[in-house]
C-alpha atoms as a PDB file:
ATOM      1  CA  MET A   1     -95.873-124.504 -88.846  1.00  0.00           C
ATOM      2  CA  SER A   2     -96.828-122.181 -91.842  1.00  0.00           C
ATOM      3  CA  GLU A   3     -94.569-118.901 -92.430  1.00  0.00           C
ATOM      4  CA  THR A   4     -98.041-117.087 -91.774  1.00  0.00           C
ATOM      5  CA  GLU A   5     -98.767-118.915 -88.610  1.00  0.00           C
ATOM      6  CA  THR A   6     -95.096-118.260 -87.756  1.00  0.00           C
ATOM      7  CA  VAL A   7     -95.683-114.443 -88.046  1.00  0.00           C
ATOM      8  CA  ARG A   8     -99.023-114.471 -86.142  1.00  0.00           C
ATOM      9  CA  THR A   9     -97.399-116.372 -83.239  1.00  0.00           C
ATOM     10  CA  GLU A  10     -94.341-113.991 -83.083  1.00  0.00           C
ATOM     11  CA  LEU A  11     -97.034-111.139 -83.227  1.00  0.00           C
ATOM     12  CA  GLU A  12     -99.042-112.024 -80.429  1.00  0.00           C
ATOM     13  CA  THR A  13     -95.558-113.107 -78.200  1.00  0.00           C
ATOM     14  CA  LYS A  14     -94.091-109.881 -78.600  1.00  0.00           C
ATOM     15  CA  PHE A  15     -97.576-108.035 -78.246  1.00  0.00           C
ATOM     16  CA  PRO A  16     -99.733-109.928 -75.719  1.00  0.00           C
ATOM     17  CA  PHE A  17    -102.694-107.593 -76.458  1.00  0.00           C
ATOM     18  CA  LEU A  18    -103.059-108.503 -79.999  1.00  0.00           C
ATOM     19  CA  ALA A  19    -104.027-112.214 -78.958  1.00  0.00           C
ATOM     20  CA  GLY A  20    -107.199-113.215 -80.556  1.00  0.00           C
ATOM     21  CA  ALA A  21    -106.811-110.063 -82.763  1.00  0.00           C
ATOM     22  CA  VAL A  22    -104.461-111.956 -85.568  1.00  0.00           C
ATOM     23  CA  ARG A  23    -106.199-113.634 -87.948  1.00  0.00           C
ATOM     24  CA  VAL A  24    -104.908-116.068 -90.441  1.00  0.00           C
ATOM     25  CA  GLN A  25    -107.660-115.367 -93.314  1.00  0.00           C
ATOM     26  CA  ARG A  26    -105.973-117.908 -95.385  1.00  0.00           C
ATOM     27  CA  GLU A  27    -102.189-118.996 -96.489  1.00  0.00           C
ATOM     28  CA  ARG A  28    -100.311-115.573 -96.899  1.00  0.00           C
ATOM     29  CA  ARG A  29    -102.941-113.504 -95.534  1.00  0.00           C
ATOM     30  CA  LEU A  30    -102.946-112.208 -92.006  1.00  0.00           C
ATOM     31  CA  TRP A  31    -105.535-109.554 -90.533  1.00  0.00           C
ATOM     32  CA  ILE A  32    -104.434-107.420 -87.340  1.00  0.00           C
ATOM     33  CA  LYS A  33    -106.630-105.273 -85.519  1.00  0.00           C
ATOM     34  CA  ALA A  34    -104.957-102.800 -83.376  1.00  0.00           C
ATOM     35  CA  ALA A  35    -105.868-100.068 -81.194  1.00  0.00           C
ATOM     36  CA  GLN A  36    -105.116 -96.487 -82.161  1.00  0.00           C
ATOM     37  CA  GLU A  37    -102.283 -96.165 -79.229  1.00  0.00           C
ATOM     38  CA  SER A  38    -100.674 -99.427 -79.786  1.00  0.00           C
ATOM     39  CA  PHE A  39    -100.856 -99.180 -83.946  1.00  0.00           C
ATOM     40  CA  PRO A  40     -97.567 -97.156 -84.282  1.00  0.00           C
ATOM     41  CA  GLN A  41     -95.598 -99.808 -82.474  1.00  0.00           C
ATOM     42  CA  VAL A  42     -96.860-103.123 -84.176  1.00  0.00           C
ATOM     43  CA  PHE A  43     -96.774-101.252 -87.637  1.00  0.00           C
ATOM     44  CA  GLU A  44     -93.318-100.273 -86.799  1.00  0.00           C
ATOM     45  CA  HIS A  45     -92.436-104.152 -86.064  1.00  0.00           C
ATOM     46  CA  LEU A  46     -94.251-105.541 -89.188  1.00  0.00           C
ATOM     47  CA  VAL A  47     -91.973-102.996 -91.368  1.00  0.00           C
ATOM     48  CA  LYS A  48     -88.580-103.280 -89.060  1.00  0.00           C
ATOM     49  CA  GLY A  49     -88.797-106.615 -87.404  1.00  0.00           C
ATOM     50  CA  LEU A  50     -90.630-108.909 -89.738  1.00  0.00           C
ATOM     51  CA  GLY A  51     -90.004-107.304 -93.224  1.00  0.00           C
ATOM     52  CA  PHE A  52     -92.880-106.208 -94.350  1.00  0.00           C
ATOM     53  CA  SER A  53     -91.362-103.544 -96.596  1.00  0.00           C
ATOM     54  CA  ASN A  54     -93.893-102.979 -99.190  1.00  0.00           C
ATOM     55  CA  LEU A  55     -96.734-100.821 -97.928  1.00  0.00           C
ATOM     56  CA  CYS A  56     -99.370-101.625-101.230  1.00  0.00           C
ATOM     57  CA  THR A  57    -101.983 -99.128-100.113  1.00  0.00           C
ATOM     58  CA  ILE A  58    -104.281 -97.768 -97.200  1.00  0.00           C
ATOM     59  CA  THR A  59    -108.045 -98.209 -97.014  1.00  0.00           C
ATOM     60  CA  GLY A  60    -110.182 -95.542 -95.206  1.00  0.00           C
ATOM     61  CA  LEU A  61    -113.656 -96.411 -94.001  1.00  0.00           C
ATOM     62  CA  ASP A  62    -116.548 -94.059 -92.687  1.00  0.00           C
ATOM     63  CA  LEU A  63    -117.569 -96.495 -89.757  1.00  0.00           C
ATOM     64  CA  GLY A  64    -119.963 -93.539 -88.455  1.00  0.00           C
ATOM     65  CA  ALA A  65    -118.431 -92.242 -85.295  1.00  0.00           C
ATOM     66  CA  GLU A  66    -114.930 -93.428 -86.394  1.00  0.00           C
ATOM     67  CA  LEU A  67    -112.967 -93.430 -89.087  1.00  0.00           C
ATOM     68  CA  GLY A  68    -111.168 -96.984 -89.840  1.00  0.00           C
ATOM     69  CA  PHE A  69    -107.821 -97.501 -91.666  1.00  0.00           C
ATOM     70  CA  ILE A  70    -106.631-100.681 -93.259  1.00  0.00           C
ATOM     71  CA  TYR A  71    -102.817-100.484 -93.820  1.00  0.00           C
ATOM     72  CA  HIS A  72    -102.007-103.211 -96.559  1.00  0.00           C
ATOM     73  CA  LEU A  73     -98.351-104.681 -96.273  1.00  0.00           C
ATOM     74  CA  ALA A  74     -96.299-107.221 -98.270  1.00  0.00           C
ATOM     75  CA  ARG A  75     -93.185-109.102 -98.095  1.00  0.00           C
ATOM     76  CA  ASP A  76     -91.125-111.347 -99.903  1.00  0.00           C
ATOM     77  CA  GLY A  77     -92.595-114.491-100.281  1.00  0.00           C
ATOM     78  CA  GLY A  78     -95.859-113.254-100.857  1.00  0.00           C
ATOM     79  CA  ILE A  79     -97.326-112.808 -97.223  1.00  0.00           C
ATOM     80  CA  MET A  80     -99.580-110.141 -96.536  1.00  0.00           C
ATOM     81  CA  ALA A  81    -100.213-108.333 -93.374  1.00  0.00           C
ATOM     82  CA  ASN A  82    -103.478-106.044 -93.166  1.00  0.00           C
ATOM     83  CA  ILE A  83    -103.428-103.952 -89.982  1.00  0.00           C
ATOM     84  CA  GLU A  84    -106.620-102.084 -88.794  1.00  0.00           C
ATOM     85  CA  THR A  85    -107.083 -99.392 -86.689  1.00  0.00           C
ATOM     86  CA  HIS A  86    -109.647 -96.723 -85.742  1.00  0.00           C
ATOM     87  CA  CYS A  87    -110.014 -93.296 -84.220  1.00  0.00           C
ATOM     88  CA  PRO A  88    -112.947 -91.378 -83.319  1.00  0.00           C
ATOM     89  CA  LYS A  89    -113.983 -88.551 -86.225  1.00  0.00           C
ATOM     90  CA  GLY A  90    -112.149 -85.378 -85.677  1.00  0.00           C
ATOM     91  CA  GLN A  91    -108.905 -87.186 -84.025  1.00  0.00           C
ATOM     92  CA  SER A  92    -106.004 -87.601 -85.786  1.00  0.00           C
ATOM     93  CA  ILE A  93    -103.382 -90.669 -86.656  1.00  0.00           C
ATOM     94  CA  ARG A  94    -100.089 -90.459 -87.145  1.00  0.00           C
ATOM     95  CA  THR A  95     -98.396 -90.716 -90.853  1.00  0.00           C
ATOM     96  CA  VAL A  96     -96.333 -93.425 -91.559  1.00  0.00           C
ATOM     97  CA  THR A  97     -94.110 -91.538 -93.861  1.00  0.00           C
ATOM     98  CA  PRO A  98     -90.930 -92.106 -91.907  1.00  0.00           C
ATOM     99  CA  LEU A  99     -91.094 -95.731 -92.870  1.00  0.00           C
ATOM    100  CA  PHE A 100     -92.693 -95.287 -95.952  1.00  0.00           C
ATOM    101  CA  PRO A 101     -92.270 -91.760 -97.786  1.00  0.00           C
ATOM    102  CA  GLY A 102     -94.501 -92.831-100.551  1.00  0.00           C
ATOM    103  CA  ALA A 103     -97.431 -92.972 -97.924  1.00  0.00           C
ATOM    104  CA  SER A 104     -97.916 -89.577 -98.283  1.00  0.00           C
ATOM    105  CA  ILE A 105    -100.097 -89.846-101.445  1.00  0.00           C
ATOM    106  CA  TYR A 106    -102.702 -92.357 -99.452  1.00  0.00           C
ATOM    107  CA  GLU A 107    -102.433 -90.307 -96.359  1.00  0.00           C
ATOM    108  CA  ARG A 108    -103.316 -87.134 -98.406  1.00  0.00           C
ATOM    109  CA  GLU A 109    -106.359 -89.282-100.207  1.00  0.00           C
ATOM    110  CA  LEU A 110    -107.709 -90.168 -96.669  1.00  0.00           C
ATOM    111  CA  GLU A 111    -107.709 -86.665 -95.714  1.00  0.00           C
ATOM    112  CA  ASP A 112    -109.583 -85.168 -98.703  1.00  0.00           C
ATOM    113  CA  LEU A 113    -111.882 -87.826 -99.259  1.00  0.00           C
ATOM    114  CA  LEU A 114    -112.449 -88.809 -95.542  1.00  0.00           C
ATOM    115  CA  GLY A 115    -111.554 -85.961 -93.550  1.00  0.00           C
ATOM    116  CA  ALA A 116    -109.288 -87.849 -91.592  1.00  0.00           C
ATOM    117  CA  LYS A 117    -106.496 -85.857 -89.673  1.00  0.00           C
ATOM    118  CA  VAL A 118    -103.038 -87.133 -90.449  1.00  0.00           C
ATOM    119  CA  ASP A 119    -100.384 -86.041 -87.942  1.00  0.00           C
ATOM    120  CA  GLY A 120     -96.764 -85.185 -89.165  1.00  0.00           C
ATOM    121  CA  LEU A 121     -97.756 -85.671 -92.775  1.00  0.00           C
ATOM    122  CA  PRO A 122     -95.510 -83.445 -95.100  1.00  0.00           C
ATOM    123  CA  PRO A 123     -96.764 -80.294 -96.470  1.00  0.00           C
ATOM    124  CA  GLY A 124     -98.122 -81.017 -99.927  1.00  0.00           C
ATOM    125  CA  PRO A 125    -100.577 -80.416-102.704  1.00  0.00           C
ATOM    126  CA  ARG A 126    -104.244 -81.607-102.191  1.00  0.00           C
ATOM    127  CA  TYR A 127    -104.936 -85.074-103.363  1.00  0.00           C
ATOM    128  CA  PRO A 128    -106.805 -86.287-105.228  1.00  0.00           C
ATOM    129  CA  LEU A 129    -109.339 -83.199-105.198  1.00  0.00           C
ATOM    130  CA  PRO A 130    -108.793 -80.070-107.129  1.00  0.00           C
ATOM    131  CA  ASP A 131    -107.328 -76.959-105.032  1.00  0.00           C
ATOM    132  CA  ASP A 132    -110.880 -75.001-105.275  1.00  0.00           C
ATOM    133  CA  TRP A 133    -112.403 -78.012-103.893  1.00  0.00           C
ATOM    134  CA  PRO A 134    -114.351 -76.413-100.284  1.00  0.00           C
ATOM    135  CA  THR A 135    -111.676 -78.044 -97.564  1.00  0.00           C
ATOM    136  CA  ASP A 136    -114.747 -78.744 -95.449  1.00  0.00           C
ATOM    137  CA  GLU A 137    -116.367 -81.234 -98.076  1.00  0.00           C
ATOM    138  CA  HIS A 138    -115.253 -84.774 -97.977  1.00  0.00           C
ATOM    139  CA  PRO A 139    -117.264 -86.889-100.640  1.00  0.00           C
ATOM    140  CA  LEU A 140    -116.385 -90.396 -99.122  1.00  0.00           C
ATOM    141  CA  LEU A 141    -118.359 -89.855 -95.754  1.00  0.00           C
ATOM    142  CA  LYS A 142    -121.788 -91.559 -95.821  1.00  0.00           C
ATOM    143  CA  ASN A 143    -123.525 -88.278 -94.715  1.00  0.00           C
ATOM    144  CA  TRP A 144    -121.768 -86.272 -97.638  1.00  0.00           C
ATOM    145  CA  LYS A 145    -124.239 -84.457 -99.954  1.00  0.00           C
ATOM    146  CA  LYS A 146    -123.245 -82.436-102.784  1.00  0.00           C
ATOM    147  CA  LYS A 147    -123.706 -78.790-102.500  1.00  0.00           C
ATOM    148  CA  ASP A 148    -125.724 -77.053-104.792  1.00  0.00           C
ATOM    149  CA  PRO A 149    -123.234 -74.645-106.142  1.00  0.00           C
ATOM    150  CA  SER A 150    -126.351 -71.969-106.941  1.00  0.00           C
ATOM    151  CA  GLU A 151    -127.223 -72.025-103.617  1.00  0.00           C
ATOM    152  CA  PRO A 152    -124.841 -70.201-100.926  1.00  0.00           C
ATOM    153  CA  ASP A 153    -124.589 -71.588 -97.343  1.00  0.00           C
ATOM    154  CA  ALA A 154    -127.743 -71.033 -95.419  1.00  0.00           C
ATOM    155  CA  GLY A 155    -125.802 -69.153 -92.722  1.00  0.00           C
ATOM    156  CA  SER A 156    -123.445 -66.952 -94.844  1.00  0.00           C
ATOM    157  CA  PRO A 157    -124.213 -63.207 -94.821  1.00  0.00           C
ATOM    158  CA  SER A 158    -124.707 -63.842 -98.809  1.00  0.00           C
ATOM    159  CA  ALA A 159    -127.167 -66.217 -98.367  1.00  0.00           C
ATOM    160  CA  ALA A 160    -129.186 -63.879 -96.206  1.00  0.00           C
ATOM    161  CA  ALA A 161    -128.831 -61.087 -98.754  1.00  0.00           C
ATOM    162  CA  SER A 162    -129.833 -63.535-101.579  1.00  0.00           C
ATOM    163  CA  SER A 163    -133.019 -64.563 -99.957  1.00  0.00           C
ATOM    164  CA  ALA A 164    -134.214 -61.053 -99.059  1.00  0.00           C
ATOM    165  CA  ALA A 165    -133.314 -60.171-102.512  1.00  0.00           C
ATOM    166  CA  SER A 166    -135.503 -63.067-103.795  1.00  0.00           C
ATOM    167  CA  ALA A 167    -138.311 -61.925-101.349  1.00  0.00           C
ATOM    168  CA  ALA A 168    -138.101 -58.718-102.585  1.00  0.00           C
ATOM    169  CA  SER A 169    -138.182 -60.248-106.249  1.00  0.00           C
ATOM    170  CA  VAL A 170    -141.302 -61.978-105.759  1.00  0.00           C
ATOM    171  CA  ALA A 171    -143.089 -59.362-103.828  1.00  0.00           C
ATOM    172  CA  SER A 172    -142.447 -56.827-106.586  1.00  0.00           C
ATOM    173  CA  SER A 173    -143.257 -59.021-109.624  1.00  0.00           C
ATOM    174  CA  ALA A 174    -146.726 -60.042-107.808  1.00  0.00           C
ATOM    175  CA  SER A 175    -147.938 -56.398-107.982  1.00  0.00           C
ATOM    176  CA  ALA A 176    -145.990 -55.073-110.682  1.00  0.00           C
ATOM    177  CA  PRO A 177    -148.233 -55.137-114.556  1.00  0.00           C
ATOM    178  CA  SER A 178    -146.651 -57.697-116.829  1.00  0.00           C
ATOM    179  CA  SER A 179    -144.143 -56.372-119.615  1.00  0.00           C
ATOM    180  CA  THR A 180    -145.807 -59.081-122.146  1.00  0.00           C
ATOM    181  CA  ALA A 181    -149.202 -57.467-122.221  1.00  0.00           C
ATOM    182  CA  PRO A 182    -149.840 -55.960-125.754  1.00  0.00           C
ATOM    183  CA  LYS A 183    -149.488 -52.085-125.770  1.00  0.00           C
ATOM    184  CA  GLY A 184    -152.660 -50.204-124.180  1.00  0.00           C
ATOM    185  CA  GLU A 185    -153.681 -53.272-122.053  1.00  0.00           C
ATOM    186  CA  THR A 186    -152.951 -54.311-118.692  1.00  0.00           C
ATOM    187  CA  PRO A 187    -152.461 -57.349-117.422  1.00  0.00           C
ATOM    188  CA  ASN A 188    -155.346 -59.755-115.904  1.00  0.00           C
ATOM    189  CA  GLU A 189    -158.273 -57.833-117.755  1.00  0.00           C
END
């Protein structure tokens, strides 16, 4: 039995609910699907029990009603374990910074770009979006549309004032004579 198959067998033995959810893509590549509730214990076992001591990155996915997260782990010998979990948009996932303090940069990316909520993430600066980026805009969501900065939000008081001022301006320009008519003449003569 290969080392990759040994890891798969150990995971499925320790966590019977993973039966059929651990796939060997090819030698030294594991894909694991874990429910949000069981993710923390499976993740911790991969790190502490099976020696996956390198967090390579975290991939975030917009899956429609849910967000998906793939944690890419590696260990000596070149074996990679990719553990995937999902949660409904608006719900939160737990931080992995107790095991990997450097994960905070990846988790801030998930918050900024996908609007993920990460419980337990230590305070810190936004990343990668600038501090003045609107906190309710997440550019990697499939339904995200860039707002026109010249147009205020439709429901804001400034939008109503802007709309009223614009309508008044149109009404007054329709009835006022043009200032470009030659001296002594009125427009439309």
